[in-house]
Amino acid sequence: MTDRYRKVKDQTKLLLIGQRLNDGLLFKTGLYVILIAITVLYVTPLFHMISTSVKDVYDLFNPAVKWIPHSLKFDNYRTAFEGLNYLHTLRNSLLIAALTAVIQMFFCALTGYAFARLYLPGKNILFMIVVLTFVIPPETITIPTIMLFAKLGWLNTPLPIFIPAMFSQGLKGALFVIICRQFFNTLPKELEESAKIDGAGLIRTYFKIMLPLARPALIIVFLFSFVWNWNNMHQALLYLNNPEWQVLPLQFTQLQHFLDYQNAARGQLDMNEPVKMAATLLIVGPPLLLYMFLQRYFVEGVERTGMVE
């Protein structure tokens, strides 16, 4: 009886605690509780946006209606679509965010490889300067940059966004250089030595061997650059204050004027919160879809670039 009791006790202990701490049922249960709590914390605002975006005025002020409205008012999305001038601003936002992300992905990878692998006189000093450009808030150099781009005639065009990105700068460009440098430092030097023995030069080694291996880091740079440029209102206010290059975040600030004009034309006072929520979902939708398709590569890239450290 004693041996049987000890056997059951050991099996119960093994089930609850496991051979290692992270193998047991208690650890896994606690981990799932934490993950579920974090998921609820992040998903609840999204559900609130979706629910509010299809409410009418009655459901908006009805305390009995929290998540599911009595009637679905999809007309809010049509109003938001018109107020955002969605097709035009979506095209501009996609063009600016995607093209800037591609430019930064290419040139920041090239710069990161140079810092990681090449012998350059004063390389450490140059890298410290790159880090300093990341630490300095961009708002502190707003006036000099505006004066510079005004003299070049680039204001009200995307050139102040594209051209700095070609020099591994732009929005968070220094961070992308650091990510790429960190990734290339993890690759074995034997790859380049083997390529050199086979007669490959520096450029061929980079584009044929090193760059394809850097796909996880490139995807991270592309995603971060795309989302940050998509949501960036600071540069849009400074450089794209032009109806021809209007982007979604900037157009959203003018949505209230459109709604006020519509309400005045109809001779009624209407609550605009559901329309604003619908407009917000239209704005955040493309980055969410992009992340859904690239999520697996993004997680792989975070692990391989050492960002978790």
C-alpha atoms as a PDB file:
ATOM      1  CA  MET A   1       0.000   0.000   0.000  1.00  0.00           C
ATOM      2  CA  THR A   2       2.870   2.331   0.867  1.00  0.00           C
ATOM      3  CA  ASP A   3       4.630   1.664  -2.464  1.00  0.00           C
ATOM      4  CA  ARG A   4       1.400   2.222  -4.354  1.00  0.00           C
ATOM      5  CA  TYR A   5       0.811   5.484  -2.474  1.00  0.00           C
ATOM      6  CA  ARG A   6       4.314   6.667  -3.300  1.00  0.00           C
ATOM      7  CA  LYS A   7       3.833   5.731  -6.932  1.00  0.00           C
ATOM      8  CA  VAL A   8       0.573   7.694  -7.156  1.00  0.00           C
ATOM      9  CA  LYS A   9       2.223  10.607  -5.335  1.00  0.00           C
ATOM     10  CA  ASP A  10       5.158  10.628  -7.750  1.00  0.00           C
ATOM     11  CA  GLN A  11       2.860  10.447 -10.767  1.00  0.00           C
ATOM     12  CA  THR A  12       0.729  13.297  -9.408  1.00  0.00           C
ATOM     13  CA  LYS A  13       3.813  15.387  -8.717  1.00  0.00           C
ATOM     14  CA  LEU A  14       5.158  14.630 -12.189  1.00  0.00           C
ATOM     15  CA  LEU A  15       1.822  15.634 -13.728  1.00  0.00           C
ATOM     16  CA  LEU A  16       1.522  18.892 -11.778  1.00  0.00           C
ATOM     17  CA  ILE A  17       5.153  19.999 -11.704  1.00  0.00           C
ATOM     18  CA  GLY A  18       6.823  17.892 -14.390  1.00  0.00           C
ATOM     19  CA  GLN A  19      10.421  16.826 -14.710  1.00  0.00           C
ATOM     20  CA  ARG A  20      11.251  20.466 -15.321  1.00  0.00           C
ATOM     21  CA  LEU A  21       9.318  23.472 -14.114  1.00  0.00           C
ATOM     22  CA  ASN A  22       7.944  24.332 -17.555  1.00  0.00           C
ATOM     23  CA  ASP A  23       6.664  20.780 -18.168  1.00  0.00           C
ATOM     24  CA  GLY A  24       4.112  20.672 -15.392  1.00  0.00           C
ATOM     25  CA  LEU A  25       0.386  21.265 -15.528  1.00  0.00           C
ATOM     26  CA  LEU A  26       0.587  24.107 -12.996  1.00  0.00           C
ATOM     27  CA  PHE A  27       3.081  26.075 -15.081  1.00  0.00           C
ATOM     28  CA  LYS A  28       1.130  25.534 -18.296  1.00  0.00           C
ATOM     29  CA  THR A  29      -2.148  26.522 -16.635  1.00  0.00           C
ATOM     30  CA  GLY A  30      -0.615  29.709 -15.238  1.00  0.00           C
ATOM     31  CA  LEU A  31       0.945  30.487 -18.617  1.00  0.00           C
ATOM     32  CA  TYR A  32      -2.373  30.064 -20.425  1.00  0.00           C
ATOM     33  CA  VAL A  33      -4.135  32.255 -17.863  1.00  0.00           C
ATOM     34  CA  ILE A  34      -1.585  35.019 -18.455  1.00  0.00           C
ATOM     35  CA  LEU A  35      -1.827  34.657 -22.251  1.00  0.00           C
ATOM     36  CA  ILE A  36      -5.634  34.733 -22.169  1.00  0.00           C
ATOM     37  CA  ALA A  37      -5.577  37.819 -19.932  1.00  0.00           C
ATOM     38  CA  ILE A  38      -3.175  39.601 -22.312  1.00  0.00           C
ATOM     39  CA  THR A  39      -5.291  38.571 -25.307  1.00  0.00           C
ATOM     40  CA  VAL A  40      -8.448  39.954 -23.702  1.00  0.00           C
ATOM     41  CA  LEU A  41      -6.591  43.156 -22.849  1.00  0.00           C
ATOM     42  CA  TYR A  42      -5.558  43.717 -26.466  1.00  0.00           C
ATOM     43  CA  VAL A  43      -8.600  42.321 -28.272  1.00  0.00           C
ATOM     44  CA  THR A  44     -11.271  44.083 -26.210  1.00  0.00           C
ATOM     45  CA  PRO A  45     -10.600  47.554 -27.702  1.00  0.00           C
ATOM     46  CA  LEU A  46     -10.774  46.061 -31.197  1.00  0.00           C
ATOM     47  CA  PHE A  47     -14.122  44.417 -30.450  1.00  0.00           C
ATOM     48  CA  HIS A  48     -15.332  47.703 -29.003  1.00  0.00           C
ATOM     49  CA  MET A  49     -14.372  49.504 -32.217  1.00  0.00           C
ATOM     50  CA  ILE A  50     -16.142  46.925 -34.381  1.00  0.00           C
ATOM     51  CA  SER A  51     -19.267  46.985 -32.215  1.00  0.00           C
ATOM     52  CA  THR A  52     -19.431  50.785 -32.080  1.00  0.00           C
ATOM     53  CA  SER A  53     -18.835  51.135 -35.816  1.00  0.00           C
ATOM     54  CA  VAL A  54     -22.163  49.437 -36.640  1.00  0.00           C
ATOM     55  CA  LYS A  55     -24.304  51.136 -33.985  1.00  0.00           C
ATOM     56  CA  ASP A  56     -26.910  53.826 -34.521  1.00  0.00           C
ATOM     57  CA  VAL A  57     -27.580  56.734 -32.184  1.00  0.00           C
ATOM     58  CA  TYR A  58     -30.172  54.780 -30.162  1.00  0.00           C
ATOM     59  CA  ASP A  59     -27.826  51.850 -29.481  1.00  0.00           C
ATOM     60  CA  LEU A  60     -24.934  54.208 -28.772  1.00  0.00           C
ATOM     61  CA  PHE A  61     -26.764  55.767 -25.806  1.00  0.00           C
ATOM     62  CA  ASN A  62     -28.648  52.670 -24.700  1.00  0.00           C
ATOM     63  CA  PRO A  63     -26.978  51.361 -21.506  1.00  0.00           C
ATOM     64  CA  ALA A  64     -28.417  47.904 -22.156  1.00  0.00           C
ATOM     65  CA  VAL A  65     -26.436  47.620 -25.403  1.00  0.00           C
ATOM     66  CA  LYS A  66     -22.771  46.871 -24.804  1.00  0.00           C
ATOM     67  CA  TRP A  67     -21.421  44.639 -27.567  1.00  0.00           C
ATOM     68  CA  ILE A  68     -24.244  43.556 -29.888  1.00  0.00           C
ATOM     69  CA  PRO A  69     -26.483  46.399 -31.178  1.00  0.00           C
ATOM     70  CA  HIS A  70     -30.155  45.882 -31.915  1.00  0.00           C
ATOM     71  CA  SER A  71     -29.649  46.834 -35.565  1.00  0.00           C
ATOM     72  CA  LEU A  72     -26.485  46.861 -37.665  1.00  0.00           C
ATOM     73  CA  LYS A  73     -25.883  50.198 -39.359  1.00  0.00           C
ATOM     74  CA  PHE A  74     -23.331  49.474 -42.079  1.00  0.00           C
ATOM     75  CA  ASP A  75     -24.097  52.871 -43.575  1.00  0.00           C
ATOM     76  CA  ASN A  76     -21.482  54.204 -41.136  1.00  0.00           C
ATOM     77  CA  TYR A  77     -18.797  52.606 -43.286  1.00  0.00           C
ATOM     78  CA  ARG A  78     -20.131  54.266 -46.428  1.00  0.00           C
ATOM     79  CA  THR A  79     -20.016  57.657 -44.708  1.00  0.00           C
ATOM     80  CA  ALA A  80     -16.507  56.984 -43.422  1.00  0.00           C
ATOM     81  CA  PHE A  81     -15.455  55.827 -46.900  1.00  0.00           C
ATOM     82  CA  GLU A  82     -16.639  59.114 -48.390  1.00  0.00           C
ATOM     83  CA  GLY A  83     -15.249  61.264 -45.573  1.00  0.00           C
ATOM     84  CA  LEU A  84     -11.798  59.710 -45.877  1.00  0.00           C
ATOM     85  CA  ASN A  85     -11.827  59.930 -49.683  1.00  0.00           C
ATOM     86  CA  TYR A  86     -10.726  56.382 -49.154  1.00  0.00           C
ATOM     87  CA  LEU A  87      -9.572  55.205 -52.571  1.00  0.00           C
ATOM     88  CA  HIS A  88      -7.391  58.264 -53.130  1.00  0.00           C
ATOM     89  CA  THR A  89      -5.874  58.407 -49.639  1.00  0.00           C
ATOM     90  CA  LEU A  90      -5.474  54.613 -49.483  1.00  0.00           C
ATOM     91  CA  ARG A  91      -3.485  54.688 -52.723  1.00  0.00           C
ATOM     92  CA  ASN A  92      -1.238  57.454 -51.389  1.00  0.00           C
ATOM     93  CA  SER A  93      -0.735  55.734 -48.030  1.00  0.00           C
ATOM     94  CA  LEU A  94       0.088  52.398 -49.654  1.00  0.00           C
ATOM     95  CA  LEU A  95       2.482  53.993 -52.124  1.00  0.00           C
ATOM     96  CA  ILE A  96       4.359  56.032 -49.529  1.00  0.00           C
ATOM     97  CA  ALA A  97       4.448  53.373 -46.790  1.00  0.00           C
ATOM     98  CA  ALA A  98       5.280  50.417 -49.052  1.00  0.00           C
ATOM     99  CA  LEU A  99       7.851  52.194 -51.211  1.00  0.00           C
ATOM    100  CA  THR A 100       9.574  53.705 -48.171  1.00  0.00           C
ATOM    101  CA  ALA A 101       9.624  50.281 -46.506  1.00  0.00           C
ATOM    102  CA  VAL A 102      11.206  48.678 -49.588  1.00  0.00           C
ATOM    103  CA  ILE A 103      13.816  51.444 -49.857  1.00  0.00           C
ATOM    104  CA  GLN A 104      14.734  51.211 -46.168  1.00  0.00           C
ATOM    105  CA  MET A 105      14.789  47.426 -46.311  1.00  0.00           C
ATOM    106  CA  PHE A 106      17.326  47.457 -49.166  1.00  0.00           C
ATOM    107  CA  PHE A 107      19.620  50.265 -48.053  1.00  0.00           C
ATOM    108  CA  CYS A 108      19.530  49.578 -44.308  1.00  0.00           C
ATOM    109  CA  ALA A 109      20.471  45.949 -44.997  1.00  0.00           C
ATOM    110  CA  LEU A 110      23.379  47.142 -47.143  1.00  0.00           C
ATOM    111  CA  THR A 111      24.536  49.539 -44.426  1.00  0.00           C
ATOM    112  CA  GLY A 112      24.101  46.937 -41.685  1.00  0.00           C
ATOM    113  CA  TYR A 113      26.191  44.459 -43.682  1.00  0.00           C
ATOM    114  CA  ALA A 114      28.955  47.030 -44.080  1.00  0.00           C
ATOM    115  CA  PHE A 115      29.038  47.693 -40.340  1.00  0.00           C
ATOM    116  CA  ALA A 116      28.947  43.977 -39.522  1.00  0.00           C
ATOM    117  CA  ARG A 117      31.366  42.488 -42.052  1.00  0.00           C
ATOM    118  CA  LEU A 118      33.549  45.069 -43.766  1.00  0.00           C
ATOM    119  CA  TYR A 119      36.710  46.713 -42.509  1.00  0.00           C
ATOM    120  CA  LEU A 120      36.157  50.457 -42.529  1.00  0.00           C
ATOM    121  CA  PRO A 121      38.436  53.080 -40.943  1.00  0.00           C
ATOM    122  CA  GLY A 122      36.600  54.579 -37.993  1.00  0.00           C
ATOM    123  CA  LYS A 123      33.720  52.114 -38.343  1.00  0.00           C
ATOM    124  CA  ASN A 124      32.866  52.161 -34.639  1.00  0.00           C
ATOM    125  CA  ILE A 125      32.747  55.952 -34.577  1.00  0.00           C
ATOM    126  CA  LEU A 126      30.480  55.982 -37.622  1.00  0.00           C
ATOM    127  CA  PHE A 127      28.209  53.422 -35.994  1.00  0.00           C
ATOM    128  CA  MET A 128      27.971  55.545 -32.856  1.00  0.00           C
ATOM    129  CA  ILE A 129      26.885  58.464 -35.044  1.00  0.00           C
ATOM    130  CA  VAL A 130      24.166  56.244 -36.527  1.00  0.00           C
ATOM    131  CA  VAL A 131      23.001  55.326 -33.019  1.00  0.00           C
ATOM    132  CA  LEU A 132      22.928  59.011 -32.065  1.00  0.00           C
ATOM    133  CA  THR A 133      20.612  59.764 -34.989  1.00  0.00           C
ATOM    134  CA  PHE A 134      18.229  57.210 -33.477  1.00  0.00           C
ATOM    135  CA  VAL A 135      18.439  58.710 -29.992  1.00  0.00           C
ATOM    136  CA  ILE A 136      17.890  62.334 -31.068  1.00  0.00           C
ATOM    137  CA  PRO A 137      14.134  63.096 -31.312  1.00  0.00           C
ATOM    138  CA  PRO A 138      13.211  64.107 -34.886  1.00  0.00           C
ATOM    139  CA  GLU A 139      11.129  67.010 -33.554  1.00  0.00           C
ATOM    140  CA  THR A 140      14.319  68.768 -32.425  1.00  0.00           C
ATOM    141  CA  ILE A 141      15.559  69.115 -36.010  1.00  0.00           C
ATOM    142  CA  THR A 142      12.194  69.886 -37.600  1.00  0.00           C
ATOM    143  CA  ILE A 143      12.936  73.512 -38.488  1.00  0.00           C
ATOM    144  CA  PRO A 144      16.348  72.848 -40.123  1.00  0.00           C
ATOM    145  CA  THR A 145      14.956  69.961 -42.172  1.00  0.00           C
ATOM    146  CA  ILE A 146      11.967  72.000 -43.347  1.00  0.00           C
ATOM    147  CA  MET A 147      14.285  74.838 -44.389  1.00  0.00           C
ATOM    148  CA  LEU A 148      16.521  72.382 -46.242  1.00  0.00           C
ATOM    149  CA  PHE A 149      13.682  70.679 -48.118  1.00  0.00           C
ATOM    150  CA  ALA A 150      12.066  74.042 -48.888  1.00  0.00           C
ATOM    151  CA  LYS A 151      15.280  75.223 -50.563  1.00  0.00           C
ATOM    152  CA  LEU A 152      15.394  71.998 -52.561  1.00  0.00           C
ATOM    153  CA  GLY A 153      11.742  72.454 -53.595  1.00  0.00           C
ATOM    154  CA  TRP A 154      10.674  69.115 -52.145  1.00  0.00           C
ATOM    155  CA  LEU A 155       7.868  70.286 -49.852  1.00  0.00           C
ATOM    156  CA  ASN A 156       4.374  68.928 -50.569  1.00  0.00           C
ATOM    157  CA  THR A 157       5.959  65.908 -52.280  1.00  0.00           C
ATOM    158  CA  PRO A 158       7.037  62.472 -50.935  1.00  0.00           C
ATOM    159  CA  LEU A 159      10.710  63.225 -51.686  1.00  0.00           C
ATOM    160  CA  PRO A 160      11.534  64.273 -48.069  1.00  0.00           C
ATOM    161  CA  ILE A 161      10.418  60.770 -47.080  1.00  0.00           C
ATOM    162  CA  PHE A 162      11.959  58.764 -49.929  1.00  0.00           C
ATOM    163  CA  ILE A 163      15.377  60.420 -50.247  1.00  0.00           C
ATOM    164  CA  PRO A 164      16.486  60.082 -46.569  1.00  0.00           C
ATOM    165  CA  ALA A 165      15.409  56.435 -46.703  1.00  0.00           C
ATOM    166  CA  MET A 166      17.859  55.915 -49.587  1.00  0.00           C
ATOM    167  CA  PHE A 167      20.658  56.959 -47.216  1.00  0.00           C
ATOM    168  CA  SER A 168      19.550  54.473 -44.523  1.00  0.00           C
ATOM    169  CA  GLN A 169      17.832  57.214 -42.567  1.00  0.00           C
ATOM    170  CA  GLY A 170      14.241  58.393 -42.589  1.00  0.00           C
ATOM    171  CA  LEU A 171      11.776  57.242 -39.954  1.00  0.00           C
ATOM    172  CA  LYS A 172      13.613  54.859 -37.550  1.00  0.00           C
ATOM    173  CA  GLY A 173      16.270  54.192 -40.183  1.00  0.00           C
ATOM    174  CA  ALA A 174      19.039  53.891 -37.591  1.00  0.00           C
ATOM    175  CA  LEU A 175      17.089  51.172 -35.759  1.00  0.00           C
ATOM    176  CA  PHE A 176      16.802  49.174 -38.977  1.00  0.00           C
ATOM    177  CA  VAL A 177      20.557  49.472 -39.535  1.00  0.00           C
ATOM    178  CA  ILE A 178      21.123  48.114 -36.008  1.00  0.00           C
ATOM    179  CA  ILE A 179      18.733  45.199 -36.636  1.00  0.00           C
ATOM    180  CA  CYS A 180      20.474  44.259 -39.892  1.00  0.00           C
ATOM    181  CA  ARG A 181      23.928  44.616 -38.345  1.00  0.00           C
ATOM    182  CA  GLN A 182      22.891  42.361 -35.474  1.00  0.00           C
ATOM    183  CA  PHE A 183      21.591  39.723 -37.893  1.00  0.00           C
ATOM    184  CA  PHE A 184      24.665  39.703 -40.155  1.00  0.00           C
ATOM    185  CA  ASN A 185      26.883  39.354 -37.082  1.00  0.00           C
ATOM    186  CA  THR A 186      25.153  36.039 -36.308  1.00  0.00           C
ATOM    187  CA  LEU A 187      26.019  34.507 -39.687  1.00  0.00           C
ATOM    188  CA  PRO A 188      29.216  32.382 -39.852  1.00  0.00           C
ATOM    189  CA  LYS A 189      32.199  33.964 -41.580  1.00  0.00           C
ATOM    190  CA  GLU A 190      32.882  30.667 -43.328  1.00  0.00           C
ATOM    191  CA  LEU A 191      30.113  31.521 -45.804  1.00  0.00           C
ATOM    192  CA  GLU A 192      32.051  34.503 -47.125  1.00  0.00           C
ATOM    193  CA  GLU A 193      35.354  32.656 -47.011  1.00  0.00           C
ATOM    194  CA  SER A 194      33.904  29.809 -49.090  1.00  0.00           C
ATOM    195  CA  ALA A 195      32.462  32.274 -51.589  1.00  0.00           C
ATOM    196  CA  LYS A 196      35.823  34.031 -51.834  1.00  0.00           C
ATOM    197  CA  ILE A 197      37.571  30.710 -52.501  1.00  0.00           C
ATOM    198  CA  ASP A 198      35.055  30.025 -55.288  1.00  0.00           C
ATOM    199  CA  GLY A 199      35.947  33.344 -56.886  1.00  0.00           C
ATOM    200  CA  ALA A 200      32.949  35.420 -55.822  1.00  0.00           C
ATOM    201  CA  GLY A 201      33.581  39.085 -55.189  1.00  0.00           C
ATOM    202  CA  LEU A 202      32.177  41.215 -52.410  1.00  0.00           C
ATOM    203  CA  ILE A 203      29.080  42.377 -54.287  1.00  0.00           C
ATOM    204  CA  ARG A 204      28.244  38.918 -55.599  1.00  0.00           C
ATOM    205  CA  THR A 205      28.741  37.384 -52.144  1.00  0.00           C
ATOM    206  CA  TYR A 206      26.377  39.903 -50.621  1.00  0.00           C
ATOM    207  CA  PHE A 207      23.575  39.614 -53.164  1.00  0.00           C
ATOM    208  CA  LYS A 208      23.837  35.876 -53.832  1.00  0.00           C
ATOM    209  CA  ILE A 209      24.568  34.519 -50.363  1.00  0.00           C
ATOM    210  CA  MET A 210      24.205  36.988 -47.516  1.00  0.00           C
ATOM    211  CA  LEU A 211      21.131  38.917 -48.604  1.00  0.00           C
ATOM    212  CA  PRO A 212      18.930  35.822 -49.230  1.00  0.00           C
ATOM    213  CA  LEU A 213      19.881  34.532 -45.774  1.00  0.00           C
ATOM    214  CA  ALA A 214      18.800  37.847 -44.249  1.00  0.00           C
ATOM    215  CA  ARG A 215      15.133  37.362 -45.144  1.00  0.00           C
ATOM    216  CA  PRO A 216      13.945  37.276 -41.486  1.00  0.00           C
ATOM    217  CA  ALA A 217      15.649  40.598 -40.736  1.00  0.00           C
ATOM    218  CA  LEU A 218      14.374  42.111 -43.986  1.00  0.00           C
ATOM    219  CA  ILE A 219      10.802  41.168 -43.157  1.00  0.00           C
ATOM    220  CA  ILE A 220      11.101  42.784 -39.724  1.00  0.00           C
ATOM    221  CA  VAL A 221      12.473  45.972 -41.279  1.00  0.00           C
ATOM    222  CA  PHE A 222       9.723  45.981 -43.914  1.00  0.00           C
ATOM    223  CA  LEU A 223       6.894  45.460 -41.408  1.00  0.00           C
ATOM    224  CA  PHE A 224       8.153  48.027 -38.912  1.00  0.00           C
ATOM    225  CA  SER A 225       8.874  50.580 -41.610  1.00  0.00           C
ATOM    226  CA  PHE A 226       5.509  50.039 -43.290  1.00  0.00           C
ATOM    227  CA  VAL A 227       3.498  50.394 -40.065  1.00  0.00           C
ATOM    228  CA  TRP A 228       5.452  53.389 -38.775  1.00  0.00           C
ATOM    229  CA  ASN A 229       5.253  55.230 -42.084  1.00  0.00           C
ATOM    230  CA  TRP A 230       1.580  54.296 -42.398  1.00  0.00           C
ATOM    231  CA  ASN A 231       0.726  55.805 -39.006  1.00  0.00           C
ATOM    232  CA  ASN A 232       3.181  58.694 -39.123  1.00  0.00           C
ATOM    233  CA  MET A 233       1.388  62.047 -38.945  1.00  0.00           C
ATOM    234  CA  HIS A 234       4.417  64.170 -38.070  1.00  0.00           C
ATOM    235  CA  GLN A 235       6.029  63.866 -41.496  1.00  0.00           C
ATOM    236  CA  ALA A 236       2.653  63.982 -43.235  1.00  0.00           C
ATOM    237  CA  LEU A 237       1.827  67.319 -41.605  1.00  0.00           C
ATOM    238  CA  LEU A 238       5.228  68.726 -42.522  1.00  0.00           C
ATOM    239  CA  TYR A 239       5.785  67.441 -46.043  1.00  0.00           C
ATOM    240  CA  LEU A 240       2.475  66.151 -47.461  1.00  0.00           C
ATOM    241  CA  ASN A 241       0.134  69.032 -46.710  1.00  0.00           C
ATOM    242  CA  ASN A 242      -1.171  68.771 -50.231  1.00  0.00           C
ATOM    243  CA  PRO A 243      -4.530  67.318 -51.414  1.00  0.00           C
ATOM    244  CA  GLU A 244      -2.710  65.438 -54.156  1.00  0.00           C
ATOM    245  CA  TRP A 245      -0.631  63.497 -51.602  1.00  0.00           C
ATOM    246  CA  GLN A 246      -3.145  63.333 -48.762  1.00  0.00           C
ATOM    247  CA  VAL A 247      -2.740  60.177 -46.650  1.00  0.00           C
ATOM    248  CA  LEU A 248      -5.229  58.373 -44.423  1.00  0.00           C
ATOM    249  CA  PRO A 249      -4.057  59.519 -40.949  1.00  0.00           C
ATOM    250  CA  LEU A 250      -4.016  63.151 -42.089  1.00  0.00           C
ATOM    251  CA  GLN A 251      -7.382  62.836 -43.804  1.00  0.00           C
ATOM    252  CA  PHE A 252      -8.826  61.388 -40.600  1.00  0.00           C
ATOM    253  CA  THR A 253      -8.159  64.707 -38.836  1.00  0.00           C
ATOM    254  CA  GLN A 254     -10.447  66.388 -41.376  1.00  0.00           C
ATOM    255  CA  LEU A 255     -13.236  63.829 -41.043  1.00  0.00           C
ATOM    256  CA  GLN A 256     -15.061  65.880 -38.404  1.00  0.00           C
ATOM    257  CA  HIS A 257     -15.417  68.827 -40.817  1.00  0.00           C
ATOM    258  CA  PHE A 258     -16.943  66.493 -43.412  1.00  0.00           C
ATOM    259  CA  LEU A 259     -19.407  65.077 -40.873  1.00  0.00           C
ATOM    260  CA  ASP A 260     -20.361  68.537 -39.583  1.00  0.00           C
ATOM    261  CA  TYR A 261     -21.056  69.675 -43.127  1.00  0.00           C
ATOM    262  CA  GLN A 262     -23.215  66.612 -43.795  1.00  0.00           C
ATOM    263  CA  ASN A 263     -25.192  67.069 -40.580  1.00  0.00           C
ATOM    264  CA  ALA A 264     -25.724  70.767 -41.311  1.00  0.00           C
ATOM    265  CA  ALA A 265     -26.927  69.979 -44.826  1.00  0.00           C
ATOM    266  CA  ARG A 266     -29.480  67.526 -43.435  1.00  0.00           C
ATOM    267  CA  GLY A 267     -30.521  69.983 -40.740  1.00  0.00           C
ATOM    268  CA  GLN A 268     -29.927  67.561 -37.896  1.00  0.00           C
ATOM    269  CA  LEU A 269     -27.460  66.910 -35.119  1.00  0.00           C
ATOM    270  CA  ASP A 270     -25.997  63.446 -35.249  1.00  0.00           C
ATOM    271  CA  MET A 271     -23.419  61.625 -33.159  1.00  0.00           C
ATOM    272  CA  ASN A 272     -20.295  60.880 -35.175  1.00  0.00           C
ATOM    273  CA  GLU A 273     -18.652  58.314 -32.886  1.00  0.00           C
ATOM    274  CA  PRO A 274     -19.780  55.230 -34.900  1.00  0.00           C
ATOM    275  CA  VAL A 275     -18.566  56.819 -38.160  1.00  0.00           C
ATOM    276  CA  LYS A 276     -15.211  57.649 -36.581  1.00  0.00           C
ATOM    277  CA  MET A 277     -14.858  54.067 -35.363  1.00  0.00           C
ATOM    278  CA  ALA A 278     -15.663  52.802 -38.857  1.00  0.00           C
ATOM    279  CA  ALA A 279     -13.044  55.179 -40.294  1.00  0.00           C
ATOM    280  CA  THR A 280     -10.497  53.954 -37.750  1.00  0.00           C
ATOM    281  CA  LEU A 281     -11.086  50.352 -38.792  1.00  0.00           C
ATOM    282  CA  LEU A 282     -10.672  51.305 -42.443  1.00  0.00           C
ATOM    283  CA  ILE A 283      -7.325  52.878 -41.561  1.00  0.00           C
ATOM    284  CA  VAL A 284      -5.901  50.086 -39.398  1.00  0.00           C
ATOM    285  CA  GLY A 285      -7.242  47.314 -41.649  1.00  0.00           C
ATOM    286  CA  PRO A 286      -4.410  47.153 -44.246  1.00  0.00           C
ATOM    287  CA  PRO A 287      -1.555  46.878 -41.691  1.00  0.00           C
ATOM    288  CA  LEU A 288      -3.480  44.183 -39.811  1.00  0.00           C
ATOM    289  CA  LEU A 289      -3.979  42.183 -43.014  1.00  0.00           C
ATOM    290  CA  LEU A 290      -0.297  42.554 -43.879  1.00  0.00           C
ATOM    291  CA  TYR A 291       0.736  41.294 -40.452  1.00  0.00           C
ATOM    292  CA  MET A 292      -1.635  38.311 -40.721  1.00  0.00           C
ATOM    293  CA  PHE A 293       0.120  37.146 -43.887  1.00  0.00           C
ATOM    294  CA  LEU A 294       3.668  37.799 -42.613  1.00  0.00           C
ATOM    295  CA  GLN A 295       3.222  36.804 -38.972  1.00  0.00           C
ATOM    296  CA  ARG A 296       5.188  33.547 -39.226  1.00  0.00           C
ATOM    297  CA  TYR A 297       8.161  35.242 -40.863  1.00  0.00           C
ATOM    298  CA  PHE A 298       7.975  38.111 -38.379  1.00  0.00           C
ATOM    299  CA  VAL A 299       8.243  35.794 -35.374  1.00  0.00           C
ATOM    300  CA  GLU A 300      11.111  33.933 -37.024  1.00  0.00           C
ATOM    301  CA  GLY A 301      12.877  37.208 -37.682  1.00  0.00           C
ATOM    302  CA  VAL A 302      12.498  38.404 -34.094  1.00  0.00           C
ATOM    303  CA  GLU A 303      14.101  35.189 -32.851  1.00  0.00           C
ATOM    304  CA  ARG A 304      16.990  35.229 -35.324  1.00  0.00           C
ATOM    305  CA  THR A 305      17.870  38.905 -35.047  1.00  0.00           C
ATOM    306  CA  GLY A 306      18.184  38.702 -31.273  1.00  0.00           C
ATOM    307  CA  MET A 307      15.507  41.341 -30.638  1.00  0.00           C
ATOM    308  CA  VAL A 308      14.083  39.246 -27.795  1.00  0.00           C
ATOM    309  CA  GLU A 309      17.276  39.935 -25.882  1.00  0.00           C
END
